[in-house]
Amino acid sequence: MTNEVIALIKQLSVLAIVFCIIDVSPLVAAEANPPNVLIIVADDLGYSDLGCYGGEIATPNLDRLAANGLKFSQFYNTGRCWSSRAAILTGYYAQQVRRDALPNVPAAGARGVRQGWAKLLPEILKPLGYRSYHSGKWHVDGLPLKNGFDRSYSLDDHDRFFAPRQHTEDGQPLAPVEPNSSYYATTAIAEHSIKCLREHAEKHREKPFFQYLCFTSPHFPLHALPEDIAKYRSRYLAGWDALRDQRFARQRELGLVNCKLSTRAEKTAPRWNPSEEELQRRIGAGEIGRAVAWTDLTQEQQAFQAGKMAIHAAMVDRMDHEIGRVIDQLVATNSLDNTLIMFLSDNGASAEQIIRGDGHDPAATPGSAGSYLGLGPGWSTMSNSPFRMHKSWVHEGGISTPLIVHWPAGITEKGGLRHTASHLIDIVPTLLEVTRAKRIENWNGHPVPSLPGRSLAPAFVMDVVVPHEFLWWFHEGNRAVRVGDWKLVSWGANGPWELFNVQNDRSETTNLTETFPGKARELEEVWKTKLEEFQELALQKD
């Protein structure tokens, strides 16, 4: 044989070994001992808010998980809370299961009811003996215990971190929390999770568990503990422009991004926000509803805005602290090594400045129960660094989330980066593979639609591309589709399409629709075809 043939055989042999490792490595442990699963969901957390994703907020526990596991740099959510939770728990796009609005489909939306075949993860895992626990935000149709969960603490009041009026345990209403009590939602959610894990270790140790841990932090209103706010009191006086530059520099050093920093959108805010005049009338002269240059703010505005970001940071800091307590419980029961942990956010940071609940008392200390503040577009622009736009948009800032994956028994690499494009719809296929669970394939005599996602298990071994035919978005009229490294996106149903090559332009700075009109038309056809398919599916009877 020639030297070239020998070299080729060696290359093919190496590739065969690699593909074998990719195919089976994470499953070896699962075959003998199915992993526990812990999915942790933050609410309105920006892509750059965690320390390990470039932020200055202290998140040592999540940073430690990332340092001993994997970080995904191109993981996507749906841009909104209820649609993301549907995708996490069903494995389908929310529109496929009527959990987000579609044109000409009245049954689809935030209050939509899933088809009977669209089962949630606990029902899929139950045949393998899994016990399932839910702690925190729900925002899915139906009740947790009616959808496979064995225990649940459901916080259904998203306007009050200190004294919620609506919350349930195991489906039974709990009394409203009295004002001035020691209750704080982030701590209470973690406490319930710890209680479930402790009970599981005591009574059901022989069974694996699925814990669905859903914090409401750092969703508005900006409510935080005084001692946590104090840590960040002066941290943000430099302003969102300077701190955004610092976050971006760290992100590039960490290898998370290779794009430019997007331009701050000075005139952009959610259409449901109050006007600038209304915000200042109800909150005060320090409030502002646009992401203008920091130097354009008055000293009063700068001080007020820096205080708001200090509260947001405190909320993230406290969430990380409580996650550390949950991890400590796993360690105490020798469960950490074989627990697959996935941490993510349901959408990007929010530019919303809605005033709900008990309203806002301008005399109340910012961050206290009497205040009702939103982060606003200036700071959410920083939180979503380096990307464009915010929660509810489907530009990168609205749909990009950190994803941290930690599983010592199944992932040997520590501190690895994974750059494959992936999405919430991939979580169920991943868990099906690593747990050996079987999805429901038939319902009422008809085949159940195939899952649109792909298992990320190959990426647990090395930084490979997990191929998707497409990734698709539609929310509040905002549209997007990604095929390979090409992304087509529009702001609103009637807005013009913009085309970007996200291989080196994820910040969406250079619109290529005129340069590559054929590619734009190709992606638009993909988006329209899938819209029609999802409409047809959502209109079908169970």
Protein backbone atom coordinates (compact mmCIF):
# COMPACT_ATOMS: atom_id res chain seq x y z
CA MET A 1 0.00 0.00 0.00
CA THR A 2 1.13 3.53 -0.69
CA ASN A 3 1.83 5.97 2.09
CA GLU A 4 -1.25 7.98 1.03
CA VAL A 5 -3.53 4.93 1.38
CA ILE A 6 -2.05 4.06 4.79
CA ALA A 7 -2.57 7.64 5.95
CA LEU A 8 -6.19 7.59 4.72
CA ILE A 9 -6.88 4.30 6.56
CA LYS A 10 -5.46 5.81 9.75
CA GLN A 11 -7.66 8.89 9.36
CA LEU A 12 -10.76 6.79 8.78
CA SER A 13 -9.93 4.65 11.81
CA VAL A 14 -9.62 7.73 14.02
CA LEU A 15 -12.93 9.07 12.71
CA ALA A 16 -14.63 5.74 13.37
CA ILE A 17 -13.40 5.76 16.95
CA VAL A 18 -14.55 9.36 17.41
CA PHE A 19 -18.03 8.61 16.06
CA CYS A 20 -18.29 5.55 18.30
CA ILE A 21 -17.38 7.67 21.30
CA ILE A 22 -19.90 10.33 20.28
CA ASP A 23 -22.57 7.70 19.83
CA VAL A 24 -22.24 5.87 23.12
CA SER A 25 -20.10 7.69 25.69
CA PRO A 26 -22.82 9.65 27.54
CA LEU A 27 -25.02 6.57 27.43
CA VAL A 28 -22.64 4.16 29.13
CA ALA A 29 -23.46 5.56 32.56
CA ALA A 30 -27.14 5.89 31.69
CA GLU A 31 -27.39 2.25 30.62
CA ALA A 32 -26.41 1.05 34.09
CA ASN A 33 -27.80 3.90 36.16
CA PRO A 34 -30.14 6.44 34.51
CA PRO A 35 -29.16 9.97 35.49
CA ASN A 36 -31.16 12.26 37.67
CA VAL A 37 -32.15 15.40 35.78
CA LEU A 38 -32.19 18.95 37.13
CA ILE A 39 -33.37 21.69 34.78
CA ILE A 40 -32.92 25.19 36.22
CA VAL A 41 -34.71 28.04 34.45
CA ALA A 42 -34.04 31.72 35.11
CA ASP A 43 -36.62 34.32 34.10
CA ASP A 44 -35.55 37.27 31.91
CA LEU A 45 -31.82 36.68 32.43
CA GLY A 46 -29.59 38.29 29.79
CA TYR A 47 -26.97 36.39 27.79
CA SER A 48 -24.09 38.20 29.51
CA ASP A 49 -25.43 38.45 33.08
CA LEU A 50 -23.51 35.47 34.51
CA GLY A 51 -19.86 35.78 35.39
CA CYS A 52 -18.94 32.84 33.16
CA TYR A 53 -20.68 34.56 30.23
CA GLY A 54 -18.84 37.85 30.65
CA GLY A 55 -20.82 39.61 33.38
CA GLU A 56 -19.61 41.32 36.54
CA ILE A 57 -22.39 39.91 38.78
CA ALA A 58 -21.12 37.41 41.34
CA THR A 59 -22.35 33.97 40.24
CA PRO A 60 -19.78 31.60 41.78
CA ASN A 61 -22.03 28.54 41.87
CA LEU A 62 -23.06 28.70 38.22
CA ASP A 63 -19.49 29.59 37.27
CA ARG A 64 -18.35 26.45 39.10
CA LEU A 65 -20.84 24.29 37.22
CA ALA A 66 -19.55 25.75 33.95
CA ALA A 67 -15.91 25.24 34.97
CA ASN A 68 -16.63 21.57 35.66
CA GLY A 69 -18.98 21.06 32.73
CA LEU A 70 -19.85 22.72 29.43
CA LYS A 71 -21.01 26.11 28.17
CA PHE A 72 -23.00 26.43 24.95
CA SER A 73 -22.44 29.70 23.10
CA GLN A 74 -25.29 29.45 20.55
CA PHE A 75 -28.22 28.08 22.51
CA TYR A 76 -31.64 29.58 21.80
CA ASN A 77 -34.96 30.04 23.56
CA THR A 78 -38.25 31.27 22.08
CA GLY A 79 -38.08 34.90 23.24
CA ARG A 80 -40.91 34.64 25.79
CA CYS A 81 -41.73 32.83 29.02
CA TRP A 82 -44.76 30.65 28.23
CA SER A 83 -43.56 29.57 24.79
CA SER A 84 -40.13 28.63 26.15
CA ARG A 85 -41.62 26.52 28.94
CA ALA A 86 -43.78 24.66 26.45
CA ALA A 87 -40.69 23.88 24.36
CA ILE A 88 -38.67 22.74 27.38
CA LEU A 89 -41.30 20.34 28.66
CA THR A 90 -42.78 18.99 25.40
CA GLY A 91 -39.87 19.10 22.95
CA TYR A 92 -42.02 20.89 20.36
CA TYR A 93 -42.13 24.46 19.14
CA ALA A 94 -44.80 26.19 21.22
CA GLN A 95 -46.81 26.91 18.08
CA GLN A 96 -47.01 23.19 17.29
CA VAL A 97 -48.74 22.56 20.61
CA ARG A 98 -50.96 25.68 20.63
CA ARG A 99 -48.89 27.42 23.29
CA ASP A 100 -48.11 30.57 21.30
CA ALA A 101 -50.16 32.61 18.89
CA LEU A 102 -50.53 31.71 15.21
CA PRO A 103 -52.43 33.59 12.49
CA ASN A 104 -55.94 32.17 11.95
CA VAL A 105 -55.63 29.73 14.87
CA PRO A 106 -57.81 31.10 17.70
CA ALA A 107 -56.97 28.18 20.02
CA ALA A 108 -53.25 28.97 19.98
CA GLY A 109 -51.70 31.51 22.32
CA ALA A 110 -50.54 32.19 25.87
CA ARG A 111 -53.73 30.52 27.14
CA GLY A 112 -53.73 27.75 24.55
CA VAL A 113 -54.33 24.13 25.55
CA ARG A 114 -51.97 21.44 24.28
CA GLN A 115 -53.17 18.49 22.26
CA GLY A 116 -53.52 15.23 24.18
CA TRP A 117 -50.42 13.78 22.52
CA ALA A 118 -48.22 16.71 23.65
CA LYS A 119 -47.13 15.14 26.93
CA LEU A 120 -44.78 16.82 29.37
CA LEU A 121 -41.42 15.38 30.40
CA PRO A 122 -42.58 13.82 33.69
CA GLU A 123 -45.09 11.65 31.84
CA ILE A 124 -42.37 10.57 29.40
CA LEU A 125 -39.95 9.70 32.21
CA LYS A 126 -42.43 8.04 34.55
CA PRO A 127 -42.32 4.58 32.87
CA LEU A 128 -38.61 4.42 33.78
CA GLY A 129 -39.43 4.95 37.45
CA TYR A 130 -38.59 8.66 37.61
CA ARG A 131 -40.21 10.80 40.27
CA SER A 132 -40.72 14.41 39.19
CA TYR A 133 -40.72 17.62 41.20
CA HIS A 134 -41.61 21.18 40.21
CA SER A 135 -40.59 24.29 42.15
CA GLY A 136 -41.39 27.86 41.11
CA LYS A 137 -42.94 29.41 38.05
CA TRP A 138 -45.29 27.22 36.00
CA HIS A 139 -46.86 29.13 33.07
CA VAL A 140 -47.90 25.96 31.25
CA ASP A 141 -51.49 24.89 30.57
CA GLY A 142 -52.89 22.40 33.08
CA LEU A 143 -51.68 21.73 36.61
CA PRO A 144 -48.32 20.16 37.55
CA LEU A 145 -49.74 17.15 39.41
CA LYS A 146 -52.12 16.46 36.52
CA ASN A 147 -49.15 16.36 34.14
CA GLY A 148 -46.90 13.82 35.82
CA PHE A 149 -45.27 15.77 38.63
CA ASP A 150 -45.31 14.11 42.06
CA ARG A 151 -44.76 17.29 44.07
CA SER A 152 -45.10 20.96 43.17
CA TYR A 153 -44.74 24.43 44.61
CA SER A 154 -46.28 26.77 42.04
CA LEU A 155 -45.75 30.50 42.40
CA ASP A 156 -48.52 32.04 40.33
CA ASP A 157 -48.02 35.65 41.43
CA HIS A 158 -45.36 37.23 39.26
CA ASP A 159 -45.79 40.74 40.68
CA ARG A 160 -44.67 40.25 44.27
CA PHE A 161 -41.37 38.74 45.40
CA PHE A 162 -42.00 39.51 49.08
CA ALA A 163 -45.69 38.84 49.65
CA PRO A 164 -47.28 36.74 46.88
CA ARG A 165 -51.04 36.35 46.98
CA GLN A 166 -51.34 33.31 44.74
CA HIS A 167 -49.22 30.20 45.27
CA THR A 168 -50.00 26.54 45.71
CA GLU A 169 -48.35 23.41 47.03
CA ASP A 170 -49.33 20.10 45.47
CA GLY A 171 -52.31 21.84 43.89
CA GLN A 172 -53.67 23.20 47.17
CA PRO A 173 -53.88 26.99 47.63
CA LEU A 174 -51.58 28.47 50.24
CA ALA A 175 -52.47 31.51 52.29
CA PRO A 176 -51.26 34.86 50.93
CA VAL A 177 -47.93 35.81 52.45
CA GLU A 178 -48.23 38.58 55.00
CA PRO A 179 -46.34 41.81 54.26
CA ASN A 180 -43.15 42.30 56.27
CA SER A 181 -42.64 38.54 56.59
CA SER A 182 -39.28 36.89 55.94
CA TYR A 183 -40.54 35.39 52.66
CA TYR A 184 -38.55 36.02 49.49
CA ALA A 185 -39.61 34.18 46.33
CA THR A 186 -36.16 33.08 45.17
CA THR A 187 -35.38 31.54 48.54
CA ALA A 188 -38.82 29.95 48.86
CA ILE A 189 -38.53 28.30 45.45
CA ALA A 190 -35.11 26.87 46.32
CA GLU A 191 -36.38 25.72 49.73
CA HIS A 192 -39.10 23.68 48.08
CA SER A 193 -36.61 22.14 45.67
CA ILE A 194 -34.33 21.20 48.57
CA LYS A 195 -37.29 19.73 50.48
CA CYS A 196 -38.20 17.55 47.48
CA LEU A 197 -34.62 16.38 47.01
CA ARG A 198 -34.25 15.58 50.70
CA GLU A 199 -37.53 13.66 50.73
CA HIS A 200 -36.50 11.80 47.59
CA ALA A 201 -33.23 10.70 49.18
CA GLU A 202 -35.06 9.53 52.30
CA LYS A 203 -37.98 7.70 50.70
CA HIS A 204 -37.18 7.01 47.03
CA ARG A 205 -33.40 6.74 46.77
CA GLU A 206 -33.67 3.70 44.47
CA LYS A 207 -35.44 5.80 41.83
CA PRO A 208 -34.06 8.55 39.60
CA PHE A 209 -35.59 12.02 39.83
CA PHE A 210 -36.46 14.91 37.54
CA GLN A 211 -36.39 18.30 39.26
CA TYR A 212 -37.81 21.26 37.31
CA LEU A 213 -36.58 24.33 39.19
CA CYS A 214 -38.00 27.60 37.85
CA PHE A 215 -36.95 30.86 39.44
CA THR A 216 -38.85 34.08 38.83
CA SER A 217 -35.62 36.09 39.08
CA PRO A 218 -34.67 38.46 37.62
CA HIS A 219 -38.13 39.12 36.07
CA PHE A 220 -39.72 42.46 36.94
CA PRO A 221 -40.60 43.92 39.39
CA LEU A 222 -37.09 44.64 40.60
CA HIS A 223 -37.41 43.28 44.14
CA ALA A 224 -34.33 42.21 46.09
CA LEU A 225 -33.05 41.77 49.62
CA PRO A 226 -31.38 44.92 51.02
CA GLU A 227 -28.16 43.09 51.90
CA ASP A 228 -27.87 41.83 48.32
CA ILE A 229 -28.49 45.27 46.83
CA ALA A 230 -25.84 46.78 49.09
CA LYS A 231 -23.14 44.66 47.38
CA TYR A 232 -23.80 46.48 44.10
CA ARG A 233 -24.72 49.93 45.38
CA SER A 234 -22.02 51.81 43.43
CA ARG A 235 -21.09 49.15 40.89
CA TYR A 236 -23.13 50.56 38.01
CA LEU A 237 -22.44 54.29 38.27
CA ALA A 238 -20.14 54.02 35.25
CA GLY A 239 -23.24 53.40 33.13
CA TRP A 240 -24.53 50.89 30.63
CA ASP A 241 -22.24 51.95 27.77
CA ALA A 242 -18.95 51.51 29.63
CA LEU A 243 -20.05 48.31 31.35
CA ARG A 244 -21.37 46.88 28.09
CA ASP A 245 -17.95 47.43 26.53
CA GLN A 246 -16.35 45.62 29.48
CA ARG A 247 -18.72 42.66 29.22
CA PHE A 248 -18.11 42.41 25.48
CA ALA A 249 -14.34 42.39 25.96
CA ARG A 250 -14.62 39.54 28.48
CA GLN A 251 -16.93 37.58 26.17
CA ARG A 252 -14.35 37.75 23.41
CA GLU A 253 -11.60 36.67 25.82
CA LEU A 254 -13.74 33.71 26.89
CA GLY A 255 -14.25 32.66 23.26
CA LEU A 256 -18.03 33.01 23.46
CA VAL A 257 -18.42 35.40 20.52
CA ASN A 258 -16.45 36.56 17.50
CA CYS A 259 -18.80 39.27 16.25
CA LYS A 260 -18.98 43.04 16.65
CA LEU A 261 -20.84 44.78 19.44
CA SER A 262 -24.31 45.67 18.18
CA THR A 263 -25.45 49.27 17.99
CA ARG A 264 -27.57 50.43 20.90
CA ALA A 265 -31.15 50.94 19.64
CA GLU A 266 -32.00 54.33 21.14
CA LYS A 267 -35.64 54.49 19.99
CA THR A 268 -36.65 50.93 20.80
CA ALA A 269 -38.99 49.85 23.59
CA PRO A 270 -41.85 47.33 23.83
CA ARG A 271 -45.04 48.79 22.40
CA TRP A 272 -46.91 48.09 25.65
CA ASN A 273 -44.56 50.22 27.76
CA PRO A 274 -45.92 53.50 29.18
CA SER A 275 -44.84 56.68 27.45
CA GLU A 276 -41.79 58.57 28.67
CA GLU A 277 -44.05 61.19 30.24
CA GLU A 278 -46.17 58.54 31.96
CA LEU A 279 -43.09 56.77 33.34
CA GLN A 280 -41.72 59.98 34.83
CA ARG A 281 -45.12 60.95 36.22
CA ARG A 282 -45.62 57.60 37.96
CA ILE A 283 -42.03 56.80 38.94
CA GLY A 284 -40.04 60.02 38.95
CA ALA A 285 -37.64 62.18 36.99
CA GLY A 286 -34.92 59.53 37.25
CA GLU A 287 -36.76 57.07 35.03
CA ILE A 288 -36.22 56.85 31.28
CA GLY A 289 -37.79 54.62 28.66
CA ARG A 290 -35.13 54.55 25.95
CA ALA A 291 -31.60 53.19 25.60
CA VAL A 292 -29.99 56.56 25.00
CA ALA A 293 -26.30 57.25 25.53
CA TRP A 294 -25.41 57.20 29.22
CA THR A 295 -23.78 60.62 28.88
CA ASP A 296 -27.13 62.05 27.72
CA LEU A 297 -28.71 61.33 31.10
CA THR A 298 -28.92 63.87 33.89
CA GLN A 299 -27.05 63.15 37.12
CA GLU A 300 -30.38 62.31 38.76
CA GLN A 301 -31.18 59.82 35.99
CA GLN A 302 -27.74 58.24 36.16
CA ALA A 303 -28.02 57.70 39.91
CA PHE A 304 -31.54 56.26 39.63
CA GLN A 305 -30.65 53.98 36.72
CA ALA A 306 -27.49 52.71 38.46
CA GLY A 307 -29.67 51.83 41.43
CA LYS A 308 -32.03 49.81 39.24
CA MET A 309 -29.21 47.72 37.80
CA ALA A 310 -27.90 47.14 41.32
CA ILE A 311 -31.26 45.54 42.17
CA HIS A 312 -31.19 43.37 39.03
CA ALA A 313 -27.66 42.24 39.93
CA ALA A 314 -28.80 41.48 43.48
CA MET A 315 -31.62 39.29 42.14
CA VAL A 316 -29.19 37.30 39.99
CA ASP A 317 -26.69 37.08 42.86
CA ARG A 318 -29.35 35.70 45.21
CA MET A 319 -30.54 33.19 42.61
CA ASP A 320 -26.99 31.90 42.24
CA HIS A 321 -26.68 31.65 46.03
CA GLU A 322 -29.86 29.57 46.23
CA ILE A 323 -28.71 27.35 43.37
CA GLY A 324 -25.61 26.72 45.45
CA ARG A 325 -27.80 25.47 48.29
CA VAL A 326 -29.61 23.10 45.92
CA ILE A 327 -26.25 21.79 44.72
CA ASP A 328 -25.16 21.33 48.34
CA GLN A 329 -28.21 19.13 48.87
CA LEU A 330 -27.19 16.99 45.89
CA VAL A 331 -23.70 16.68 47.35
CA ALA A 332 -25.07 15.75 50.78
CA THR A 333 -26.99 12.82 49.28
CA ASN A 334 -24.14 11.73 46.95
CA SER A 335 -26.37 12.54 43.97
CA LEU A 336 -24.37 15.22 42.19
CA ASP A 337 -22.16 12.99 40.04
CA ASN A 338 -25.06 11.30 38.29
CA THR A 339 -27.32 14.35 38.02
CA LEU A 340 -27.51 15.97 34.60
CA ILE A 341 -27.91 19.70 35.34
CA MET A 342 -28.98 22.14 32.63
CA PHE A 343 -29.21 25.87 33.41
CA LEU A 344 -30.78 28.38 31.01
CA SER A 345 -33.03 31.43 30.69
CA ASP A 346 -36.51 31.52 29.16
CA ASN A 347 -35.75 34.64 27.09
CA GLY A 348 -33.37 37.56 26.90
CA ALA A 349 -33.30 40.44 29.36
CA SER A 350 -36.44 42.55 29.35
CA ALA A 351 -36.89 46.16 28.22
CA GLU A 352 -40.39 46.13 29.75
CA GLN A 353 -41.36 48.86 32.21
CA ILE A 354 -44.88 47.75 33.02
CA ILE A 355 -46.35 48.77 36.39
CA ARG A 356 -48.69 46.08 37.74
CA GLY A 357 -49.51 44.45 41.04
CA ASP A 358 -49.81 46.99 43.85
CA GLY A 359 -48.49 49.80 41.68
CA HIS A 360 -45.42 51.89 42.42
CA ASP A 361 -44.94 54.10 45.44
CA PRO A 362 -42.37 56.79 44.55
CA ALA A 363 -41.60 57.17 48.24
CA ALA A 364 -40.73 53.47 48.65
CA THR A 365 -37.12 52.37 48.67
CA PRO A 366 -36.24 50.99 45.20
CA GLY A 367 -36.17 47.20 45.37
CA SER A 368 -38.61 47.01 48.27
CA ALA A 369 -42.14 45.58 48.14
CA GLY A 370 -43.64 49.05 47.72
CA SER A 371 -41.69 49.74 44.54
CA TYR A 372 -42.45 48.43 41.07
CA LEU A 373 -39.62 49.00 38.63
CA GLY A 374 -38.53 47.38 35.38
CA LEU A 375 -34.97 47.06 34.14
CA GLY A 376 -35.68 49.08 30.99
CA PRO A 377 -34.03 49.10 27.55
CA GLY A 378 -30.76 50.74 28.59
CA TRP A 379 -29.71 48.02 30.99
CA SER A 380 -31.36 45.18 29.06
CA THR A 381 -29.21 46.21 26.10
CA MET A 382 -26.19 45.67 28.32
CA SER A 383 -27.54 42.41 29.75
CA ASN A 384 -28.04 41.00 26.25
CA SER A 385 -24.50 41.95 25.14
CA PRO A 386 -23.34 41.79 22.45
CA PHE A 387 -26.66 41.16 20.69
CA ARG A 388 -29.53 43.26 19.35
CA MET A 389 -32.92 43.78 20.97
CA HIS A 390 -34.64 42.29 23.99
CA LYS A 391 -37.20 39.83 25.32
CA SER A 392 -40.14 39.24 22.91
CA TRP A 393 -38.06 40.13 19.83
CA VAL A 394 -36.49 37.27 17.89
CA HIS A 395 -33.28 39.08 17.09
CA GLU A 396 -30.35 37.48 18.92
CA GLY A 397 -30.75 39.55 22.08
CA GLY A 398 -34.27 38.26 22.62
CA ILE A 399 -33.61 34.57 21.98
CA SER A 400 -30.03 33.87 23.11
CA THR A 401 -29.47 32.24 26.49
CA PRO A 402 -26.55 30.86 28.45
CA LEU A 403 -26.70 27.08 28.62
CA ILE A 404 -24.59 25.38 31.26
CA VAL A 405 -24.51 21.57 31.28
CA HIS A 406 -22.97 19.65 34.19
CA TRP A 407 -22.93 15.86 34.56
CA PRO A 408 -19.74 14.34 36.01
CA ALA A 409 -20.82 10.74 35.33
CA GLY A 410 -21.53 11.47 31.67
CA ILE A 411 -19.30 14.41 30.72
CA THR A 412 -15.57 14.13 31.30
CA GLU A 413 -14.47 17.46 29.83
CA LYS A 414 -14.28 20.37 32.26
CA GLY A 415 -14.79 23.94 31.17
CA GLY A 416 -15.50 23.09 27.55
CA LEU A 417 -17.16 25.40 25.04
CA ARG A 418 -19.75 24.17 22.57
CA HIS A 419 -20.51 26.33 19.55
CA THR A 420 -23.18 24.26 17.82
CA ALA A 421 -26.46 26.09 17.21
CA SER A 422 -29.11 24.51 19.43
CA HIS A 423 -32.51 25.26 20.93
CA LEU A 424 -34.90 24.43 23.75
CA ILE A 425 -36.55 21.88 21.45
CA ASP A 426 -33.34 19.84 21.80
CA ILE A 427 -33.76 19.24 25.54
CA VAL A 428 -36.38 16.48 25.27
CA PRO A 429 -34.49 14.55 22.54
CA THR A 430 -31.33 14.83 24.65
CA LEU A 431 -33.05 13.46 27.73
CA LEU A 432 -34.69 10.70 25.71
CA GLU A 433 -31.25 9.59 24.62
CA VAL A 434 -29.40 9.80 27.93
CA THR A 435 -32.22 8.25 29.99
CA ARG A 436 -33.32 5.67 27.37
CA ALA A 437 -36.90 6.91 27.75
CA LYS A 438 -39.39 6.39 24.93
CA ARG A 439 -41.64 9.12 23.67
CA ILE A 440 -45.30 8.47 22.88
CA GLU A 441 -45.53 7.53 19.21
CA ASN A 442 -49.27 6.95 18.81
CA TRP A 443 -52.31 8.75 20.19
CA ASN A 444 -55.94 7.82 19.54
CA GLY A 445 -54.89 5.58 16.70
CA HIS A 446 -52.80 8.21 14.92
CA PRO A 447 -49.02 8.74 14.82
CA VAL A 448 -47.71 11.51 17.06
CA PRO A 449 -45.79 14.22 15.17
CA SER A 450 -42.04 13.70 15.21
CA LEU A 451 -39.95 15.89 17.49
CA PRO A 452 -38.32 18.85 15.70
CA GLY A 453 -35.20 18.91 17.89
CA ARG A 454 -32.00 16.88 18.00
CA SER A 455 -30.14 15.22 20.86
CA LEU A 456 -27.19 17.22 22.15
CA ALA A 457 -25.54 14.10 23.58
CA PRO A 458 -22.84 14.07 20.85
CA ALA A 459 -21.81 17.56 21.97
CA PHE A 460 -21.34 16.26 25.51
CA VAL A 461 -18.23 14.49 24.19
CA MET A 462 -16.69 17.09 21.88
CA ASP A 463 -17.45 20.35 20.10
CA VAL A 464 -19.34 18.93 17.14
CA VAL A 465 -22.12 20.41 15.04
CA VAL A 466 -25.49 18.94 15.96
CA PRO A 467 -27.25 19.39 12.60
CA HIS A 468 -30.67 20.99 12.36
CA GLU A 469 -32.55 21.37 9.11
CA PHE A 470 -33.74 24.74 10.46
CA LEU A 471 -34.48 26.65 13.66
CA TRP A 472 -37.70 28.68 13.64
CA TRP A 473 -39.24 31.57 15.60
CA PHE A 474 -42.51 33.48 15.66
CA HIS A 475 -43.66 35.65 18.55
CA GLU A 476 -45.75 38.82 18.76
CA GLY A 477 -45.50 38.99 14.96
CA ASN A 478 -41.69 38.92 15.09
CA ARG A 479 -40.32 36.28 12.72
CA ALA A 480 -37.01 34.46 12.24
CA VAL A 481 -35.51 31.31 10.79
CA ARG A 482 -31.96 30.03 10.89
CA VAL A 483 -30.58 27.53 8.37
CA GLY A 484 -26.92 26.71 8.91
CA ASP A 485 -25.15 30.01 9.44
CA TRP A 486 -27.82 32.06 7.69
CA LYS A 487 -30.53 33.83 9.65
CA LEU A 488 -33.55 35.72 8.32
CA VAL A 489 -35.35 37.95 10.82
CA SER A 490 -38.03 40.63 10.85
CA TRP A 491 -39.37 43.02 13.44
CA GLY A 492 -43.14 42.54 13.26
CA ALA A 493 -45.29 40.66 10.79
CA ASN A 494 -45.13 43.51 8.28
CA GLY A 495 -41.54 44.53 8.90
CA PRO A 496 -38.89 44.00 6.22
CA TRP A 497 -36.81 40.85 6.31
CA GLU A 498 -33.16 41.19 7.25
CA LEU A 499 -30.56 38.57 6.31
CA PHE A 500 -27.44 37.90 8.37
CA ASN A 501 -24.61 35.41 8.27
CA VAL A 502 -24.28 34.60 11.94
CA GLN A 503 -21.01 32.72 11.61
CA ASN A 504 -19.25 36.02 12.33
CA ASP A 505 -22.18 38.46 12.63
CA ARG A 506 -24.43 37.18 15.41
CA SER A 507 -24.85 40.77 16.53
CA GLU A 508 -26.78 41.33 13.29
CA THR A 509 -24.96 44.45 12.14
CA THR A 510 -24.76 43.88 8.35
CA ASN A 511 -28.02 43.22 6.49
CA LEU A 512 -27.26 41.05 3.44
CA THR A 513 -30.72 40.90 1.81
CA GLU A 514 -29.62 42.99 -1.17
CA THR A 515 -26.30 41.17 -1.50
CA PHE A 516 -27.87 37.69 -1.37
CA PRO A 517 -31.52 38.11 -2.42
CA GLY A 518 -31.79 34.46 -3.46
CA LYS A 519 -30.72 33.27 -0.02
CA ALA A 520 -33.24 35.63 1.61
CA ARG A 521 -36.05 34.22 -0.57
CA GLU A 522 -34.92 30.66 0.20
CA LEU A 523 -35.09 31.22 3.96
CA GLU A 524 -38.38 33.09 3.70
CA GLU A 525 -39.87 30.08 1.95
CA VAL A 526 -38.63 27.80 4.74
CA TRP A 527 -40.22 30.08 7.34
CA LYS A 528 -43.55 30.24 5.48
CA THR A 529 -43.64 26.48 4.87
CA LYS A 530 -43.16 25.75 8.55
CA LEU A 531 -45.74 28.34 9.53
CA GLU A 532 -48.30 26.56 7.36
CA GLU A 533 -47.33 23.17 8.80
CA PHE A 534 -47.64 24.42 12.36
CA GLN A 535 -50.99 26.08 11.63
CA GLU A 536 -52.34 22.84 10.18
CA LEU A 537 -51.10 20.86 13.18
CA ALA A 538 -52.55 23.31 15.71
CA LEU A 539 -55.94 23.24 13.96
CA GLN A 540 -56.21 19.46 14.00
CA LYS A 541 -58.50 17.86 16.55
CA ASP A 542 -56.87 15.67 19.19
